[in-house]
PDB file of all heavy atoms in Angstrom:
ATOM      1  N   ILE A   1       0.849  -1.158   0.033  1.00  0.00           N
ATOM      2  CA  ILE A   1       0.021   0.003   0.043  1.00  0.00           C
ATOM      3  C   ILE A   1       0.889   1.194   0.032  1.00  0.00           C
ATOM      4  O   ILE A   1       1.835   1.270   0.785  1.00  0.00           O
ATOM      5  CB  ILE A   1      -0.857   0.004   1.255  1.00  0.00           C
ATOM      6  CG1 ILE A   1      -1.636  -1.279   1.477  1.00  0.00           C
ATOM      7  CG2 ILE A   1      -1.806   1.286   1.218  1.00  0.00           C
ATOM      8  CD1 ILE A   1      -2.857  -1.454   0.640  1.00  0.00           C
ATOM      9  N   GLY A   2       0.648   2.214  -0.824  1.00  0.00           N
ATOM     10  CA  GLY A   2       1.353   3.439  -0.829  1.00  0.00           C
ATOM     11  C   GLY A   2       0.802   4.397  -1.833  1.00  0.00           C
ATOM     12  O   GLY A   2      -0.173   4.181  -2.611  1.00  0.00           O
ATOM     13  N   ASP A   3       1.469   5.542  -2.047  1.00  0.00           N
ATOM     14  CA  ASP A   3       1.108   6.469  -3.021  1.00  0.00           C
ATOM     15  C   ASP A   3       1.955   6.245  -4.318  1.00  0.00           C
ATOM     16  O   ASP A   3       2.940   5.525  -4.263  1.00  0.00           O
ATOM     17  CB  ASP A   3       1.183   7.890  -2.567  1.00  0.00           C
ATOM     18  CG  ASP A   3       2.568   8.244  -2.159  1.00  0.00           C
ATOM     19  OD1 ASP A   3       3.542   7.983  -2.731  1.00  0.00           O
ATOM     20  OD2 ASP A   3       2.732   8.959  -1.063  1.00  0.00           O
ATOM     21  N   GLU A   4       1.606   6.940  -5.312  1.00  0.00           N
ATOM     22  CA  GLU A   4       2.256   6.724  -6.703  1.00  0.00           C
ATOM     23  C   GLU A   4       3.760   7.065  -6.562  1.00  0.00           C
ATOM     24  O   GLU A   4       4.647   6.292  -7.137  1.00  0.00           O
ATOM     25  CB  GLU A   4       1.544   7.583  -7.780  1.00  0.00           C
ATOM     26  CG  GLU A   4       2.057   7.340  -9.171  1.00  0.00           C
ATOM     27  CD  GLU A   4       1.282   8.081 -10.133  1.00  0.00           C
ATOM     28  OE1 GLU A   4       0.231   8.647  -9.863  1.00  0.00           O
ATOM     29  OE2 GLU A   4       1.762   8.138 -11.334  1.00  0.00           O
ATOM     30  N   LYS A   5       4.200   8.039  -5.966  1.00  0.00           N
ATOM     31  CA  LYS A   5       5.519   8.519  -5.839  1.00  0.00           C
ATOM     32  C   LYS A   5       6.343   7.404  -4.977  1.00  0.00           C
ATOM     33  O   LYS A   5       7.432   7.041  -5.478  1.00  0.00           O
ATOM     34  CB  LYS A   5       5.679   9.788  -5.043  1.00  0.00           C
ATOM     35  CG  LYS A   5       6.957  10.335  -4.945  1.00  0.00           C
ATOM     36  CD  LYS A   5       7.128  11.715  -4.201  1.00  0.00           C
ATOM     37  CE  LYS A   5       8.522  12.158  -4.037  1.00  0.00           C
ATOM     38  NZ  LYS A   5       8.556  13.412  -3.341  1.00  0.00           N
ATOM     39  N   MET A   6       5.851   6.995  -3.868  1.00  0.00           N
ATOM     40  CA  MET A   6       6.518   5.969  -3.105  1.00  0.00           C
ATOM     41  C   MET A   6       6.675   4.623  -3.933  1.00  0.00           C
ATOM     42  O   MET A   6       7.808   4.048  -3.934  1.00  0.00           O
ATOM     43  CB  MET A   6       5.705   5.628  -1.866  1.00  0.00           C
ATOM     44  CG  MET A   6       6.370   4.554  -0.985  1.00  0.00           C
ATOM     45  SD  MET A   6       5.219   3.620   0.063  1.00  0.00           S
ATOM     46  CE  MET A   6       4.759   2.294  -1.038  1.00  0.00           C
ATOM     47  N   ILE A   7       5.690   4.224  -4.663  1.00  0.00           N
ATOM     48  CA  ILE A   7       5.780   2.984  -5.412  1.00  0.00           C
ATOM     49  C   ILE A   7       6.688   3.096  -6.612  1.00  0.00           C
ATOM     50  O   ILE A   7       7.522   2.199  -6.856  1.00  0.00           O
ATOM     51  CB  ILE A   7       4.336   2.606  -5.914  1.00  0.00           C
ATOM     52  CG1 ILE A   7       3.382   2.291  -4.856  1.00  0.00           C
ATOM     53  CG2 ILE A   7       4.434   1.357  -6.870  1.00  0.00           C
ATOM     54  CD1 ILE A   7       3.745   1.166  -3.827  1.00  0.00           C
ATOM     55  N   THR A   8       6.727   4.236  -7.172  1.00  0.00           N
ATOM     56  CA  THR A   8       7.695   4.452  -8.377  1.00  0.00           C
ATOM     57  C   THR A   8       9.115   4.452  -7.757  1.00  0.00           C
ATOM     58  O   THR A   8       9.979   3.833  -8.387  1.00  0.00           O
ATOM     59  CB  THR A   8       7.422   5.863  -8.991  1.00  0.00           C
ATOM     60  OG1 THR A   8       6.077   5.888  -9.416  1.00  0.00           O
ATOM     61  CG2 THR A   8       8.425   6.096 -10.082  1.00  0.00           C
ATOM     62  N   GLN A   9       9.341   5.066  -6.623  1.00  0.00           N
ATOM     63  CA  GLN A   9      10.695   4.970  -5.981  1.00  0.00           C
ATOM     64  C   GLN A   9      11.130   3.620  -5.602  1.00  0.00           C
ATOM     65  O   GLN A   9      12.187   3.158  -5.869  1.00  0.00           O
ATOM     66  CB  GLN A   9      10.753   5.988  -4.769  1.00  0.00           C
ATOM     67  CG  GLN A   9      12.010   5.963  -4.116  1.00  0.00           C
ATOM     68  CD  GLN A   9      12.508   7.405  -3.847  1.00  0.00           C
ATOM     69  OE1 GLN A   9      11.614   8.281  -3.700  1.00  0.00           O
ATOM     70  NE2 GLN A   9      13.755   7.563  -3.762  1.00  0.00           N
ATOM     71  N   LEU A  10      10.128   2.863  -5.044  1.00  0.00           N
ATOM     72  CA  LEU A  10      10.393   1.509  -4.690  1.00  0.00           C
ATOM     73  C   LEU A  10      10.794   0.604  -5.896  1.00  0.00           C
ATOM     74  O   LEU A  10      11.722  -0.145  -5.860  1.00  0.00           O
ATOM     75  CB  LEU A  10       9.232   0.883  -3.930  1.00  0.00           C
ATOM     76  CG  LEU A  10       9.301  -0.484  -3.336  1.00  0.00           C
ATOM     77  CD1 LEU A  10      10.437  -0.545  -2.252  1.00  0.00           C
ATOM     78  CD2 LEU A  10       7.904  -0.866  -2.564  1.00  0.00           C
ATOM     79  N   ALA A  11      10.016   0.818  -6.964  1.00  0.00           N
ATOM     80  CA  ALA A  11      10.210   0.032  -8.107  1.00  0.00           C
ATOM     81  C   ALA A  11      11.697   0.339  -8.724  1.00  0.00           C
ATOM     82  O   ALA A  11      12.414  -0.497  -9.210  1.00  0.00           O
ATOM     83  CB  ALA A  11       9.218   0.402  -9.255  1.00  0.00           C
ATOM     84  N   MET A  12      12.122   1.608  -8.669  1.00  0.00           N
ATOM     85  CA  MET A  12      13.494   2.024  -9.092  1.00  0.00           C
ATOM     86  C   MET A  12      14.512   1.308  -8.259  1.00  0.00           C
ATOM     87  O   MET A  12      15.473   0.910  -8.715  1.00  0.00           O
ATOM     88  CB  MET A  12      13.689   3.569  -9.131  1.00  0.00           C
ATOM     89  CG  MET A  12      12.838   4.173 -10.291  1.00  0.00           C
ATOM     90  SD  MET A  12      13.177   5.954 -10.440  1.00  0.00           S
ATOM     91  CE  MET A  12      13.097   6.617  -8.870  1.00  0.00           C
ATOM     92  N   GLN A  13      14.248   1.297  -6.905  1.00  0.00           N
ATOM     93  CA  GLN A  13      15.238   0.658  -5.978  1.00  0.00           C
ATOM     94  C   GLN A  13      15.353  -0.802  -6.237  1.00  0.00           C
ATOM     95  O   GLN A  13      16.432  -1.363  -6.270  1.00  0.00           O
ATOM     96  CB  GLN A  13      14.785   0.907  -4.554  1.00  0.00           C
ATOM     97  CG  GLN A  13      14.939   2.302  -4.045  1.00  0.00           C
ATOM     98  CD  GLN A  13      16.333   2.848  -3.995  1.00  0.00           C
ATOM     99  OE1 GLN A  13      17.251   2.034  -3.594  1.00  0.00           O
ATOM    100  NE2 GLN A  13      16.619   4.025  -4.438  1.00  0.00           N
ATOM    101  N   LEU A  14      14.218  -1.426  -6.580  1.00  0.00           N
ATOM    102  CA  LEU A  14      14.169  -2.898  -6.821  1.00  0.00           C
ATOM    103  C   LEU A  14      14.955  -3.116  -8.128  1.00  0.00           C
ATOM    104  O   LEU A  14      15.709  -4.086  -8.248  1.00  0.00           O
ATOM    105  CB  LEU A  14      12.731  -3.376  -7.026  1.00  0.00           C
ATOM    106  CG  LEU A  14      11.971  -3.623  -5.718  1.00  0.00           C
ATOM    107  CD1 LEU A  14      10.546  -3.817  -5.948  1.00  0.00           C
ATOM    108  CD2 LEU A  14      12.487  -4.836  -4.933  1.00  0.00           C
ATOM    109  N   SER A  15      14.732  -2.315  -9.053  1.00  0.00           N
ATOM    110  CA  SER A  15      15.472  -2.466 -10.389  1.00  0.00           C
ATOM    111  C   SER A  15      16.998  -2.424 -10.252  1.00  0.00           C
ATOM    112  O   SER A  15      17.727  -2.900 -11.145  1.00  0.00           O
ATOM    113  CB  SER A  15      14.897  -1.613 -11.470  1.00  0.00           C
ATOM    114  OG  SER A  15      15.333  -0.217 -11.208  1.00  0.00           O
ATOM    115  N   LYS A  16      17.463  -1.754  -9.230  1.00  0.00           N
ATOM    116  CA  LYS A  16      18.981  -1.612  -8.980  1.00  0.00           C
ATOM    117  C   LYS A  16      19.528  -2.901  -8.371  1.00  0.00           C
ATOM    118  O   LYS A  16      20.752  -3.045  -8.465  1.00  0.00           O
ATOM    119  CB  LYS A  16      19.229  -0.494  -8.085  1.00  0.00           C
ATOM    120  CG  LYS A  16      18.987   0.900  -8.753  1.00  0.00           C
ATOM    121  CD  LYS A  16      19.243   2.013  -7.757  1.00  0.00           C
ATOM    122  CE  LYS A  16      18.906   3.451  -8.297  1.00  0.00           C
ATOM    123  NZ  LYS A  16      19.140   4.431  -7.376  1.00  0.00           N
ATOM    124  N   LEU A  17      18.734  -3.799  -7.862  1.00  0.00           N
ATOM    125  CA  LEU A  17      19.346  -5.024  -7.334  1.00  0.00           C
ATOM    126  C   LEU A  17      19.868  -5.875  -8.444  1.00  0.00           C
ATOM    127  O   LEU A  17      19.227  -6.017  -9.590  1.00  0.00           O
ATOM    128  CB  LEU A  17      18.187  -5.812  -6.660  1.00  0.00           C
ATOM    129  CG  LEU A  17      17.672  -5.229  -5.317  1.00  0.00           C
ATOM    130  CD1 LEU A  17      16.493  -6.038  -4.765  1.00  0.00           C
ATOM    131  CD2 LEU A  17      18.694  -4.989  -4.240  1.00  0.00           C
ATOM    132  N   LEU A  18      21.038  -6.476  -8.282  1.00  0.00           N
ATOM    133  CA  LEU A  18      21.626  -7.184  -9.414  1.00  0.00           C
ATOM    134  C   LEU A  18      20.908  -8.380  -9.860  1.00  0.00           C
ATOM    135  O   LEU A  18      20.881  -8.618 -11.117  1.00  0.00           O
ATOM    136  CB  LEU A  18      23.039  -7.721  -8.876  1.00  0.00           C
ATOM    137  CG  LEU A  18      24.079  -6.648  -8.691  1.00  0.00           C
ATOM    138  CD1 LEU A  18      25.395  -7.246  -8.184  1.00  0.00           C
ATOM    139  CD2 LEU A  18      24.328  -5.840  -9.902  1.00  0.00           C
ATOM    140  N   LEU A  19      20.149  -9.014  -9.067  1.00  0.00           N
ATOM    141  CA  LEU A  19      19.376 -10.305  -9.591  1.00  0.00           C
ATOM    142  C   LEU A  19      18.119  -9.916 -10.193  1.00  0.00           C
ATOM    143  O   LEU A  19      17.368 -10.827 -10.712  1.00  0.00           O
ATOM    144  CB  LEU A  19      19.292 -11.193  -8.368  1.00  0.00           C
ATOM    145  CG  LEU A  19      20.622 -11.757  -7.827  1.00  0.00           C
ATOM    146  CD1 LEU A  19      20.414 -12.602  -6.617  1.00  0.00           C
ATOM    147  CD2 LEU A  19      21.355 -12.564  -8.962  1.00  0.00           C
ATOM    148  N   VAL A  20      17.671  -8.689 -10.086  1.00  0.00           N
ATOM    149  CA  VAL A  20      16.317  -8.272 -10.697  1.00  0.00           C
ATOM    150  C   VAL A  20      16.531  -8.061 -12.257  1.00  0.00           C
ATOM    151  O   VAL A  20      17.426  -7.224 -12.577  1.00  0.00           O
ATOM    152  CB  VAL A  20      15.830  -7.004  -9.965  1.00  0.00           C
ATOM    153  CG1 VAL A  20      14.688  -6.430 -10.646  1.00  0.00           C
ATOM    154  CG2 VAL A  20      15.459  -7.375  -8.507  1.00  0.00           C
ATOM    155  N   ILE A  21      15.723  -8.634 -12.960  1.00  0.00           N
ATOM    156  CA  ILE A  21      15.792  -8.510 -14.459  1.00  0.00           C
ATOM    157  C   ILE A  21      14.806  -7.348 -14.823  1.00  0.00           C
ATOM    158  O   ILE A  21      15.163  -6.584 -15.775  1.00  0.00           O
ATOM    159  CB  ILE A  21      15.349  -9.753 -15.143  1.00  0.00           C
ATOM    160  CG1 ILE A  21      16.270 -10.950 -14.714  1.00  0.00           C
ATOM    161  CG2 ILE A  21      15.277  -9.670 -16.623  1.00  0.00           C
ATOM    162  CD1 ILE A  21      15.846 -12.325 -15.118  1.00  0.00           C
ATOM    163  N   SER A  22      13.584  -7.312 -14.212  1.00  0.00           N
ATOM    164  CA  SER A  22      12.614  -6.325 -14.677  1.00  0.00           C
ATOM    165  C   SER A  22      11.590  -6.073 -13.521  1.00  0.00           C
ATOM    166  O   SER A  22      11.289  -6.990 -12.743  1.00  0.00           O
ATOM    167  CB  SER A  22      11.849  -6.856 -15.839  1.00  0.00           C
ATOM    168  OG  SER A  22      10.900  -5.938 -16.396  1.00  0.00           O
ATOM    169  N   VAL A  23      11.003  -4.902 -13.463  1.00  0.00           N
ATOM    170  CA  VAL A  23      10.047  -4.496 -12.518  1.00  0.00           C
ATOM    171  C   VAL A  23       8.894  -3.834 -13.261  1.00  0.00           C
ATOM    172  O   VAL A  23       9.033  -2.976 -14.051  1.00  0.00           O
ATOM    173  CB  VAL A  23      10.616  -3.536 -11.412  1.00  0.00           C
ATOM    174  CG1 VAL A  23       9.495  -3.232 -10.465  1.00  0.00           C
ATOM    175  CG2 VAL A  23      11.701  -4.210 -10.649  1.00  0.00           C
ATOM    176  N   ASP A  24       7.623  -4.254 -12.846  1.00  0.00           N
ATOM    177  CA  ASP A  24       6.418  -3.624 -13.357  1.00  0.00           C
ATOM    178  C   ASP A  24       5.483  -3.277 -12.273  1.00  0.00           C
ATOM    179  O   ASP A  24       5.196  -4.089 -11.414  1.00  0.00           O
ATOM    180  CB  ASP A  24       5.768  -4.682 -14.432  1.00  0.00           C
ATOM    181  CG  ASP A  24       4.789  -3.944 -15.259  1.00  0.00           C
ATOM    182  OD1 ASP A  24       4.653  -2.781 -15.348  1.00  0.00           O
ATOM    183  OD2 ASP A  24       4.141  -4.822 -16.106  1.00  0.00           O
ATOM    184  N   ILE A  25       4.962  -2.127 -12.311  1.00  0.00           N
ATOM    185  CA  ILE A  25       3.983  -1.604 -11.434  1.00  0.00           C
ATOM    186  C   ILE A  25       2.625  -1.819 -11.971  1.00  0.00           C
ATOM    187  O   ILE A  25       2.325  -1.328 -13.022  1.00  0.00           O
ATOM    188  CB  ILE A  25       4.183  -0.116 -11.074  1.00  0.00           C
ATOM    189  CG1 ILE A  25       5.614   0.170 -10.605  1.00  0.00           C
ATOM    190  CG2 ILE A  25       3.173   0.371 -10.091  1.00  0.00           C
ATOM    191  CD1 ILE A  25       5.968   1.627 -10.381  1.00  0.00           C
ATOM    192  N   LEU A  26       1.714  -2.599 -11.249  1.00  0.00           N
ATOM    193  CA  LEU A  26       0.446  -2.878 -11.686  1.00  0.00           C
ATOM    194  C   LEU A  26      -0.620  -2.347 -10.723  1.00  0.00           C
ATOM    195  O   LEU A  26      -0.446  -2.435  -9.482  1.00  0.00           O
ATOM    196  CB  LEU A  26       0.300  -4.441 -11.885  1.00  0.00           C
ATOM    197  CG  LEU A  26       1.332  -5.156 -12.788  1.00  0.00           C
ATOM    198  CD1 LEU A  26       1.072  -6.648 -12.680  1.00  0.00           C
ATOM    199  CD2 LEU A  26       1.149  -4.656 -14.256  1.00  0.00           C
ATOM    200  N   THR A  27      -1.686  -1.843 -11.305  1.00  0.00           N
ATOM    201  CA  THR A  27      -2.830  -1.432 -10.468  1.00  0.00           C
ATOM    202  C   THR A  27      -3.966  -2.374 -10.846  1.00  0.00           C
ATOM    203  O   THR A  27      -3.812  -3.089 -11.868  1.00  0.00           O
ATOM    204  CB  THR A  27      -3.210   0.015 -10.680  1.00  0.00           C
ATOM    205  OG1 THR A  27      -3.619   0.230 -12.054  1.00  0.00           O
ATOM    206  CG2 THR A  27      -2.105   0.936 -10.241  1.00  0.00           C
ATOM    207  N   GLY A  28      -5.044  -2.431 -10.162  1.00  0.00           N
ATOM    208  CA  GLY A  28      -6.261  -3.154 -10.461  1.00  0.00           C
ATOM    209  C   GLY A  28      -6.766  -2.800 -11.838  1.00  0.00           C
ATOM    210  O   GLY A  28      -7.327  -3.706 -12.443  1.00  0.00           O
ATOM    211  N   GLU A  29      -6.683  -1.557 -12.233  1.00  0.00           N
ATOM    212  CA  GLU A  29      -7.269  -1.121 -13.525  1.00  0.00           C
ATOM    213  C   GLU A  29      -6.462  -1.652 -14.780  1.00  0.00           C
ATOM    214  O   GLU A  29      -7.092  -1.903 -15.868  1.00  0.00           O
ATOM    215  CB  GLU A  29      -7.353   0.429 -13.615  1.00  0.00           C
ATOM    216  CG  GLU A  29      -8.069   1.055 -12.532  1.00  0.00           C
ATOM    217  CD  GLU A  29      -7.321   1.314 -11.266  1.00  0.00           C
ATOM    218  OE1 GLU A  29      -6.204   1.783 -11.391  1.00  0.00           O
ATOM    219  OE2 GLU A  29      -7.916   1.027 -10.125  1.00  0.00           O
ATOM    220  N   ASP A  30      -5.221  -1.814 -14.608  1.00  0.00           N
ATOM    221  CA  ASP A  30      -4.339  -2.137 -15.768  1.00  0.00           C
ATOM    222  C   ASP A  30      -3.858  -3.562 -15.781  1.00  0.00           C
ATOM    223  O   ASP A  30      -2.870  -3.917 -16.554  1.00  0.00           O
ATOM    224  CB  ASP A  30      -3.148  -1.185 -15.921  1.00  0.00           C
ATOM    225  CG  ASP A  30      -2.169  -1.320 -14.708  1.00  0.00           C
ATOM    226  OD1 ASP A  30      -2.367  -2.095 -13.785  1.00  0.00           O
ATOM    227  OD2 ASP A  30      -1.250  -0.596 -14.768  1.00  0.00           O
ATOM    228  N   SER A  31      -4.434  -4.399 -14.937  1.00  0.00           N
ATOM    229  CA  SER A  31      -3.916  -5.735 -14.779  1.00  0.00           C
ATOM    230  C   SER A  31      -5.183  -6.723 -14.364  1.00  0.00           C
ATOM    231  O   SER A  31      -6.144  -6.330 -13.965  1.00  0.00           O
ATOM    232  CB  SER A  31      -2.810  -5.831 -13.750  1.00  0.00           C
ATOM    233  OG  SER A  31      -3.391  -5.591 -12.439  1.00  0.00           O
ATOM    234  N   VAL A  32      -4.768  -8.009 -14.657  1.00  0.00           N
ATOM    235  CA  VAL A  32      -5.687  -9.102 -14.120  1.00  0.00           C
ATOM    236  C   VAL A  32      -4.931  -9.631 -12.910  1.00  0.00           C
ATOM    237  O   VAL A  32      -3.818 -10.087 -13.004  1.00  0.00           O
ATOM    238  CB  VAL A  32      -5.813 -10.134 -15.221  1.00  0.00           C
ATOM    239  CG1 VAL A  32      -6.624 -11.337 -14.644  1.00  0.00           C
ATOM    240  CG2 VAL A  32      -6.371  -9.589 -16.471  1.00  0.00           C
ATOM    241  N   GLN A  33      -5.685  -9.587 -11.788  1.00  0.00           N
ATOM    242  CA  GLN A  33      -5.132  -9.987 -10.499  1.00  0.00           C
ATOM    243  C   GLN A  33      -6.025 -11.125  -9.820  1.00  0.00           C
ATOM    244  O   GLN A  33      -7.197 -10.950  -9.872  1.00  0.00           O
ATOM    245  CB  GLN A  33      -4.954  -8.846  -9.587  1.00  0.00           C
ATOM    246  CG  GLN A  33      -4.035  -7.789 -10.122  1.00  0.00           C
ATOM    247  CD  GLN A  33      -3.741  -6.796  -9.094  1.00  0.00           C
ATOM    248  OE1 GLN A  33      -3.842  -6.984  -7.977  1.00  0.00           O
ATOM    249  NE2 GLN A  33      -3.224  -5.655  -9.517  1.00  0.00           N
ATOM    250  N   ARG A  34      -5.325 -12.162  -9.345  1.00  0.00           N
ATOM    251  CA  ARG A  34      -6.140 -13.275  -8.658  1.00  0.00           C
ATOM    252  C   ARG A  34      -5.322 -13.792  -7.563  1.00  0.00           C
ATOM    253  O   ARG A  34      -4.172 -13.787  -7.458  1.00  0.00           O
ATOM    254  CB  ARG A  34      -6.419 -14.435  -9.688  1.00  0.00           C
ATOM    255  CG  ARG A  34      -7.297 -13.968 -10.840  1.00  0.00           C
ATOM    256  CD  ARG A  34      -8.690 -13.658 -10.413  1.00  0.00           C
ATOM    257  NE  ARG A  34      -9.488 -13.457 -11.635  1.00  0.00           N
ATOM    258  CZ  ARG A  34      -9.788 -12.193 -12.066  1.00  0.00           C
ATOM    259  NH1 ARG A  34      -9.159 -11.158 -11.515  1.00  0.00           N
ATOM    260  NH2 ARG A  34     -10.585 -12.089 -13.032  1.00  0.00           N
ATOM    261  N   GLU A  35      -6.171 -14.312  -6.604  1.00  0.00           N
ATOM    262  CA  GLU A  35      -5.626 -15.068  -5.390  1.00  0.00           C
ATOM    263  C   GLU A  35      -6.407 -16.326  -5.233  1.00  0.00           C
ATOM    264  O   GLU A  35      -7.564 -16.374  -5.367  1.00  0.00           O
ATOM    265  CB  GLU A  35      -5.708 -14.111  -4.190  1.00  0.00           C
ATOM    266  CG  GLU A  35      -5.143 -14.692  -2.896  1.00  0.00           C
ATOM    267  CD  GLU A  35      -5.409 -13.780  -1.752  1.00  0.00           C
ATOM    268  OE1 GLU A  35      -6.391 -13.048  -1.658  1.00  0.00           O
ATOM    269  OE2 GLU A  35      -4.508 -13.782  -0.823  1.00  0.00           O
ATOM    270  N   LEU A  36      -5.657 -17.339  -4.756  1.00  0.00           N
ATOM    271  CA  LEU A  36      -6.355 -18.556  -4.241  1.00  0.00           C
ATOM    272  C   LEU A  36      -6.406 -18.584  -2.759  1.00  0.00           C
ATOM    273  O   LEU A  36      -5.479 -18.358  -2.102  1.00  0.00           O
ATOM    274  CB  LEU A  36      -5.509 -19.806  -4.803  1.00  0.00           C
ATOM    275  CG  LEU A  36      -5.985 -21.200  -4.282  1.00  0.00           C
ATOM    276  CD1 LEU A  36      -7.403 -21.465  -4.763  1.00  0.00           C
ATOM    277  CD2 LEU A  36      -5.054 -22.321  -4.587  1.00  0.00           C
TER     278      LEU A  36
END
């Protein structure tokens, strides 16, 4: 949970990790999300 600025910053920090290939920010409107 967060605001757009915080999530964008978090995604940039994640993308700096060496083992991370790609990061995508998804919201309910632009994605299909499911849980079992």
